[in-house]
Amino acid sequence: GGIEVVNRISIPDGLIPGDASVEMEAKKAA
């Protein structure tokens, strides 16, 4: 859309709930 993005920031590991590790690792692998 013509918008510049300088930095991308992902969620810190310490904020990931235990049961959400499935989602997080699947997304990283994808």
PDB file of all heavy atoms in Angstrom:
ATOM      1  N   GLY A   1       0.798  -1.221   0.000  1.00  0.00           N
ATOM      2  CA  GLY A   1       0.000   0.000   0.000  1.00  0.00           C
ATOM      3  C   GLY A   1       0.829   1.270   0.000  1.00  0.00           C
ATOM      4  O   GLY A   1       0.284   2.369   0.071  1.00  0.00           O
ATOM      5  N   GLY A   2       2.160   1.119  -0.062  1.00  0.00           N
ATOM      6  CA  GLY A   2       3.035   2.283  -0.139  1.00  0.00           C
ATOM      7  C   GLY A   2       3.477   2.827   1.203  1.00  0.00           C
ATOM      8  O   GLY A   2       4.009   3.939   1.279  1.00  0.00           O
ATOM      9  N   ILE A   3       3.280   2.036   2.261  1.00  0.00           N
ATOM     10  CA  ILE A   3       3.673   2.466   3.602  1.00  0.00           C
ATOM     11  C   ILE A   3       4.977   1.778   3.982  1.00  0.00           C
ATOM     12  O   ILE A   3       5.073   0.552   3.954  1.00  0.00           O
ATOM     13  CB  ILE A   3       2.569   2.133   4.632  1.00  0.00           C
ATOM     14  CG1 ILE A   3       1.275   2.876   4.263  1.00  0.00           C
ATOM     15  CG2 ILE A   3       3.021   2.493   6.048  1.00  0.00           C
ATOM     16  CD1 ILE A   3       0.082   2.484   5.123  1.00  0.00           C
ATOM     17  N   GLU A   4       5.975   2.565   4.345  1.00  0.00           N
ATOM     18  CA  GLU A   4       7.281   2.018   4.723  1.00  0.00           C
ATOM     19  C   GLU A   4       7.228   1.453   6.139  1.00  0.00           C
ATOM     20  O   GLU A   4       6.651   2.064   7.042  1.00  0.00           O
ATOM     21  CB  GLU A   4       8.351   3.112   4.645  1.00  0.00           C
ATOM     22  CG  GLU A   4       9.746   2.647   5.038  1.00  0.00           C
ATOM     23  CD  GLU A   4      10.756   3.783   5.093  1.00  0.00           C
ATOM     24  OE1 GLU A   4      10.376   4.930   4.756  1.00  0.00           O
ATOM     25  OE2 GLU A   4      11.913   3.525   5.491  1.00  0.00           O
ATOM     26  N   VAL A   5       7.831   0.279   6.330  1.00  0.00           N
ATOM     27  CA  VAL A   5       7.954  -0.328   7.656  1.00  0.00           C
ATOM     28  C   VAL A   5       9.435  -0.450   7.981  1.00  0.00           C
ATOM     29  O   VAL A   5      10.188  -1.079   7.241  1.00  0.00           O
ATOM     30  CB  VAL A   5       7.278  -1.713   7.712  1.00  0.00           C
ATOM     31  CG1 VAL A   5       7.529  -2.374   9.074  1.00  0.00           C
ATOM     32  CG2 VAL A   5       5.781  -1.592   7.446  1.00  0.00           C
ATOM     33  N   VAL A   6       9.846   0.145   9.100  1.00  0.00           N
ATOM     34  CA  VAL A   6      11.262   0.153   9.476  1.00  0.00           C
ATOM     35  C   VAL A   6      11.618  -1.073  10.306  1.00  0.00           C
ATOM     36  O   VAL A   6      12.540  -1.824   9.969  1.00  0.00           O
ATOM     37  CB  VAL A   6      11.613   1.446  10.252  1.00  0.00           C
ATOM     38  CG1 VAL A   6      13.092   1.446  10.626  1.00  0.00           C
ATOM     39  CG2 VAL A   6      11.271   2.679   9.427  1.00  0.00           C
ATOM     40  N   ASN A   7      10.896  -1.297  11.398  1.00  0.00           N
ATOM     41  CA  ASN A   7      11.188  -2.419  12.300  1.00  0.00           C
ATOM     42  C   ASN A   7       9.943  -3.278  12.496  1.00  0.00           C
ATOM     43  O   ASN A   7       8.828  -2.758  12.608  1.00  0.00           O
ATOM     44  CB  ASN A   7      11.640  -1.913  13.677  1.00  0.00           C
ATOM     45  CG  ASN A   7      12.901  -1.069  13.597  1.00  0.00           C
ATOM     46  OD1 ASN A   7      13.888  -1.477  13.008  1.00  0.00           O
ATOM     47  ND2 ASN A   7      12.858   0.116  14.197  1.00  0.00           N
ATOM     48  N   ARG A   8      10.142  -4.596  12.558  1.00  0.00           N
ATOM     49  CA  ARG A   8       9.064  -5.523  12.913  1.00  0.00           C
ATOM     50  C   ARG A   8       9.371  -6.104  14.281  1.00  0.00           C
ATOM     51  O   ARG A   8      10.504  -6.489  14.570  1.00  0.00           O
ATOM     52  CB  ARG A   8       8.923  -6.628  11.873  1.00  0.00           C
ATOM     53  CG  ARG A   8       8.550  -6.111  10.494  1.00  0.00           C
ATOM     54  CD  ARG A   8       8.478  -7.240   9.472  1.00  0.00           C
ATOM     55  NE  ARG A   8       7.357  -8.137   9.734  1.00  0.00           N
ATOM     56  CZ  ARG A   8       7.107  -9.236   9.013  1.00  0.00           C
ATOM     57  NH1 ARG A   8       7.912  -9.570   8.016  1.00  0.00           N
ATOM     58  NH2 ARG A   8       6.068 -10.005   9.301  1.00  0.00           N
ATOM     59  N   ILE A   9       8.345  -6.179  15.121  1.00  0.00           N
ATOM     60  CA  ILE A   9       8.539  -6.611  16.504  1.00  0.00           C
ATOM     61  C   ILE A   9       7.620  -7.787  16.800  1.00  0.00           C
ATOM     62  O   ILE A   9       6.392  -7.681  16.667  1.00  0.00           O
ATOM     63  CB  ILE A   9       8.247  -5.451  17.484  1.00  0.00           C
ATOM     64  CG1 ILE A   9       9.184  -4.269  17.182  1.00  0.00           C
ATOM     65  CG2 ILE A   9       8.398  -5.910  18.927  1.00  0.00           C
ATOM     66  CD1 ILE A   9       8.859  -3.018  17.977  1.00  0.00           C
ATOM     67  N   SER A  10       8.198  -8.911  17.194  1.00  0.00           N
ATOM     68  CA  SER A  10       7.411 -10.089  17.557  1.00  0.00           C
ATOM     69  C   SER A  10       7.217 -10.129  19.061  1.00  0.00           C
ATOM     70  O   SER A  10       7.883  -9.416  19.813  1.00  0.00           O
ATOM     71  CB  SER A  10       8.098 -11.366  17.074  1.00  0.00           C
ATOM     72  OG  SER A  10       9.392 -11.483  17.650  1.00  0.00           O
ATOM     73  N   ILE A  11       6.313 -10.956  19.518  1.00  0.00           N
ATOM     74  CA  ILE A  11       6.009 -11.040  20.932  1.00  0.00           C
ATOM     75  C   ILE A  11       7.170 -11.715  21.670  1.00  0.00           C
ATOM     76  O   ILE A  11       7.704 -12.737  21.211  1.00  0.00           O
ATOM     77  CB  ILE A  11       4.696 -11.823  21.163  1.00  0.00           C
ATOM     78  CG1 ILE A  11       4.327 -11.848  22.643  1.00  0.00           C
ATOM     79  CG2 ILE A  11       4.771 -13.232  20.588  1.00  0.00           C
ATOM     80  CD1 ILE A  11       2.950 -12.438  22.919  1.00  0.00           C
ATOM     81  N   PRO A  12       7.611 -11.185  22.802  1.00  0.00           N
ATOM     82  CA  PRO A  12       8.685 -11.821  23.575  1.00  0.00           C
ATOM     83  C   PRO A  12       8.258 -13.197  24.089  1.00  0.00           C
ATOM     84  O   PRO A  12       7.088 -13.410  24.427  1.00  0.00           O
ATOM     85  CB  PRO A  12       8.908 -10.845  24.739  1.00  0.00           C
ATOM     86  CG  PRO A  12       8.362  -9.538  24.259  1.00  0.00           C
ATOM     87  CD  PRO A  12       7.215  -9.888  23.368  1.00  0.00           C
ATOM     88  N   ASP A  13       9.189 -14.133  24.139  1.00  0.00           N
ATOM     89  CA  ASP A  13       8.870 -15.499  24.565  1.00  0.00           C
ATOM     90  C   ASP A  13       8.253 -15.537  25.953  1.00  0.00           C
ATOM     91  O   ASP A  13       7.397 -16.373  26.243  1.00  0.00           O
ATOM     92  CB  ASP A  13      10.139 -16.365  24.532  1.00  0.00           C
ATOM     93  CG  ASP A  13      10.605 -16.639  23.106  1.00  0.00           C
ATOM     94  OD1 ASP A  13       9.776 -16.502  22.178  1.00  0.00           O
ATOM     95  OD2 ASP A  13      11.792 -16.985  22.920  1.00  0.00           O
ATOM     96  N   GLY A  14       8.666 -14.630  26.824  1.00  0.00           N
ATOM     97  CA  GLY A  14       8.169 -14.634  28.193  1.00  0.00           C
ATOM     98  C   GLY A  14       6.704 -14.298  28.324  1.00  0.00           C
ATOM     99  O   GLY A  14       6.112 -14.506  29.396  1.00  0.00           O
ATOM    100  N   LEU A  15       6.084 -13.786  27.259  1.00  0.00           N
ATOM    101  CA  LEU A  15       4.670 -13.426  27.303  1.00  0.00           C
ATOM    102  C   LEU A  15       3.765 -14.494  26.699  1.00  0.00           C
ATOM    103  O   LEU A  15       2.545 -14.342  26.689  1.00  0.00           O
ATOM    104  CB  LEU A  15       4.438 -12.102  26.562  1.00  0.00           C
ATOM    105  CG  LEU A  15       5.105 -10.860  27.158  1.00  0.00           C
ATOM    106  CD1 LEU A  15       4.779  -9.635  26.300  1.00  0.00           C
ATOM    107  CD2 LEU A  15       4.671 -10.634  28.593  1.00  0.00           C
ATOM    108  N   ILE A  16       4.359 -15.578  26.198  1.00  0.00           N
ATOM    109  CA  ILE A  16       3.575 -16.608  25.519  1.00  0.00           C
ATOM    110  C   ILE A  16       2.978 -17.576  26.548  1.00  0.00           C
ATOM    111  O   ILE A  16       3.717 -18.234  27.283  1.00  0.00           O
ATOM    112  CB  ILE A  16       4.449 -17.388  24.515  1.00  0.00           C
ATOM    113  CG1 ILE A  16       5.013 -16.430  23.459  1.00  0.00           C
ATOM    114  CG2 ILE A  16       3.637 -18.494  23.845  1.00  0.00           C
ATOM    115  CD1 ILE A  16       6.049 -17.072  22.552  1.00  0.00           C
ATOM    116  N   PRO A  17       1.638 -17.694  26.637  1.00  0.00           N
ATOM    117  CA  PRO A  17       1.021 -18.656  27.557  1.00  0.00           C
ATOM    118  C   PRO A  17       1.422 -20.089  27.209  1.00  0.00           C
ATOM    119  O   PRO A  17       1.716 -20.396  26.038  1.00  0.00           O
ATOM    120  CB  PRO A  17      -0.485 -18.439  27.350  1.00  0.00           C
ATOM    121  CG  PRO A  17      -0.598 -17.077  26.736  1.00  0.00           C
ATOM    122  CD  PRO A  17       0.631 -16.904  25.905  1.00  0.00           C
ATOM    123  N   GLY A  18       1.410 -20.970  28.205  1.00  0.00           N
ATOM    124  CA  GLY A  18       1.872 -22.331  27.995  1.00  0.00           C
ATOM    125  C   GLY A  18       1.157 -23.065  26.881  1.00  0.00           C
ATOM    126  O   GLY A  18       1.782 -23.703  26.023  1.00  0.00           O
ATOM    127  N   ASP A  19      -0.181 -22.988  26.848  1.00  0.00           N
ATOM    128  CA  ASP A  19      -0.938 -23.727  25.839  1.00  0.00           C
ATOM    129  C   ASP A  19      -0.843 -23.085  24.457  1.00  0.00           C
ATOM    130  O   ASP A  19      -1.289 -23.663  23.465  1.00  0.00           O
ATOM    131  CB  ASP A  19      -2.405 -23.830  26.265  1.00  0.00           C
ATOM    132  CG  ASP A  19      -3.122 -25.026  25.638  1.00  0.00           C
ATOM    133  OD1 ASP A  19      -2.486 -26.083  25.481  1.00  0.00           O
ATOM    134  OD2 ASP A  19      -4.321 -24.894  25.310  1.00  0.00           O
ATOM    135  N   ALA A  20      -0.292 -21.869  24.404  1.00  0.00           N
ATOM    136  CA  ALA A  20      -0.169 -21.159  23.121  1.00  0.00           C
ATOM    137  C   ALA A  20       1.136 -21.482  22.402  1.00  0.00           C
ATOM    138  O   ALA A  20       1.363 -20.991  21.290  1.00  0.00           O
ATOM    139  CB  ALA A  20      -0.273 -19.653  23.335  1.00  0.00           C
ATOM    140  N   SER A  21       1.989 -22.297  23.014  1.00  0.00           N
ATOM    141  CA  SER A  21       3.258 -22.639  22.359  1.00  0.00           C
ATOM    142  C   SER A  21       3.009 -23.395  21.062  1.00  0.00           C
ATOM    143  O   SER A  21       3.815 -23.318  20.123  1.00  0.00           O
ATOM    144  CB  SER A  21       4.133 -23.466  23.297  1.00  0.00           C
ATOM    145  OG  SER A  21       3.487 -24.670  23.679  1.00  0.00           O
ATOM    146  N   VAL A  22       1.899 -24.138  20.985  1.00  0.00           N
ATOM    147  CA  VAL A  22       1.553 -24.852  19.747  1.00  0.00           C
ATOM    148  C   VAL A  22       1.367 -23.854  18.614  1.00  0.00           C
ATOM    149  O   VAL A  22       1.937 -24.002  17.523  1.00  0.00           O
ATOM    150  CB  VAL A  22       0.270 -25.688  19.948  1.00  0.00           C
ATOM    151  CG1 VAL A  22      -0.200 -26.271  18.615  1.00  0.00           C
ATOM    152  CG2 VAL A  22       0.522 -26.803  20.948  1.00  0.00           C
ATOM    153  N   GLU A  23       0.548 -22.838  18.855  1.00  0.00           N
ATOM    154  CA  GLU A  23       0.308 -21.802  17.849  1.00  0.00           C
ATOM    155  C   GLU A  23       1.607 -21.088  17.471  1.00  0.00           C
ATOM    156  O   GLU A  23       1.906 -20.897  16.280  1.00  0.00           O
ATOM    157  CB  GLU A  23      -0.696 -20.783  18.377  1.00  0.00           C
ATOM    158  CG  GLU A  23      -0.892 -19.576  17.457  1.00  0.00           C
ATOM    159  CD  GLU A  23      -1.575 -18.413  18.158  1.00  0.00           C
ATOM    160  OE1 GLU A  23      -0.958 -17.816  19.063  1.00  0.00           O
ATOM    161  OE2 GLU A  23      -2.707 -18.098  17.787  1.00  0.00           O
ATOM    162  N   MET A  24       2.387 -20.692  18.470  1.00  0.00           N
ATOM    163  CA  MET A  24       3.579 -19.902  18.212  1.00  0.00           C
ATOM    164  C   MET A  24       4.600 -20.658  17.379  1.00  0.00           C
ATOM    165  O   MET A  24       5.131 -20.141  16.384  1.00  0.00           O
ATOM    166  CB  MET A  24       4.196 -19.453  19.541  1.00  0.00           C
ATOM    167  CG  MET A  24       5.447 -18.600  19.401  1.00  0.00           C
ATOM    168  SD  MET A  24       5.211 -17.118  18.373  1.00  0.00           S
ATOM    169  CE  MET A  24       3.854 -16.332  19.223  1.00  0.00           C
ATOM    170  N   GLU A  25       4.890 -21.897  17.764  1.00  0.00           N
ATOM    171  CA  GLU A  25       5.898 -22.663  17.029  1.00  0.00           C
ATOM    172  C   GLU A  25       5.413 -23.032  15.630  1.00  0.00           C
ATOM    173  O   GLU A  25       6.199 -23.081  14.682  1.00  0.00           O
ATOM    174  CB  GLU A  25       6.277 -23.916  17.810  1.00  0.00           C
ATOM    175  CG  GLU A  25       6.965 -23.629  19.139  1.00  0.00           C
ATOM    176  CD  GLU A  25       8.229 -22.785  18.980  1.00  0.00           C
ATOM    177  OE1 GLU A  25       8.873 -22.840  17.918  1.00  0.00           O
ATOM    178  OE2 GLU A  25       8.563 -22.054  19.928  1.00  0.00           O
ATOM    179  N   ALA A  26       4.101 -23.268  15.485  1.00  0.00           N
ATOM    180  CA  ALA A  26       3.545 -23.559  14.160  1.00  0.00           C
ATOM    181  C   ALA A  26       3.678 -22.352  13.245  1.00  0.00           C
ATOM    182  O   ALA A  26       4.023 -22.484  12.057  1.00  0.00           O
ATOM    183  CB  ALA A  26       2.082 -23.972  14.286  1.00  0.00           C
ATOM    184  N   LYS A  27       3.420 -21.158  13.779  1.00  0.00           N
ATOM    185  CA  LYS A  27       3.538 -19.947  12.972  1.00  0.00           C
ATOM    186  C   LYS A  27       4.987 -19.686  12.572  1.00  0.00           C
ATOM    187  O   LYS A  27       5.267 -19.326  11.413  1.00  0.00           O
ATOM    188  CB  LYS A  27       2.975 -18.754  13.752  1.00  0.00           C
ATOM    189  CG  LYS A  27       1.456 -18.740  13.841  1.00  0.00           C
ATOM    190  CD  LYS A  27       0.953 -17.507  14.573  1.00  0.00           C
ATOM    191  CE  LYS A  27      -0.562 -17.427  14.538  1.00  0.00           C
ATOM    192  NZ  LYS A  27      -1.074 -16.223  15.239  1.00  0.00           N
ATOM    193  N   LYS A  28       5.904 -19.883  13.492  1.00  0.00           N
ATOM    194  CA  LYS A  28       7.322 -19.678  13.175  1.00  0.00           C
ATOM    195  C   LYS A  28       7.764 -20.653  12.091  1.00  0.00           C
ATOM    196  O   LYS A  28       8.490 -20.286  11.156  1.00  0.00           O
ATOM    197  CB  LYS A  28       8.165 -19.843  14.441  1.00  0.00           C
ATOM    198  CG  LYS A  28       8.042 -18.669  15.411  1.00  0.00           C
ATOM    199  CD  LYS A  28       8.459 -19.019  16.814  1.00  0.00           C
ATOM    200  CE  LYS A  28       9.914 -19.414  16.917  1.00  0.00           C
ATOM    201  NZ  LYS A  28      10.309 -19.653  18.332  1.00  0.00           N
ATOM    202  N   ALA A  29       7.308 -21.912  12.189  1.00  0.00           N
ATOM    203  CA  ALA A  29       7.665 -22.912  11.187  1.00  0.00           C
ATOM    204  C   ALA A  29       7.058 -22.599   9.822  1.00  0.00           C
ATOM    205  O   ALA A  29       7.618 -22.956   8.780  1.00  0.00           O
ATOM    206  CB  ALA A  29       7.214 -24.294  11.653  1.00  0.00           C
ATOM    207  N   ALA A  30       5.896 -21.915   9.835  1.00  0.00           N
ATOM    208  CA  ALA A  30       5.228 -21.559   8.577  1.00  0.00           C
ATOM    209  C   ALA A  30       5.803 -20.302   7.941  1.00  0.00           C
ATOM    210  O   ALA A  30       5.339 -19.886   6.876  1.00  0.00           O
ATOM    211  CB  ALA A  30       3.736 -21.382   8.830  1.00  0.00           C
TER     212      ALA A  30
END
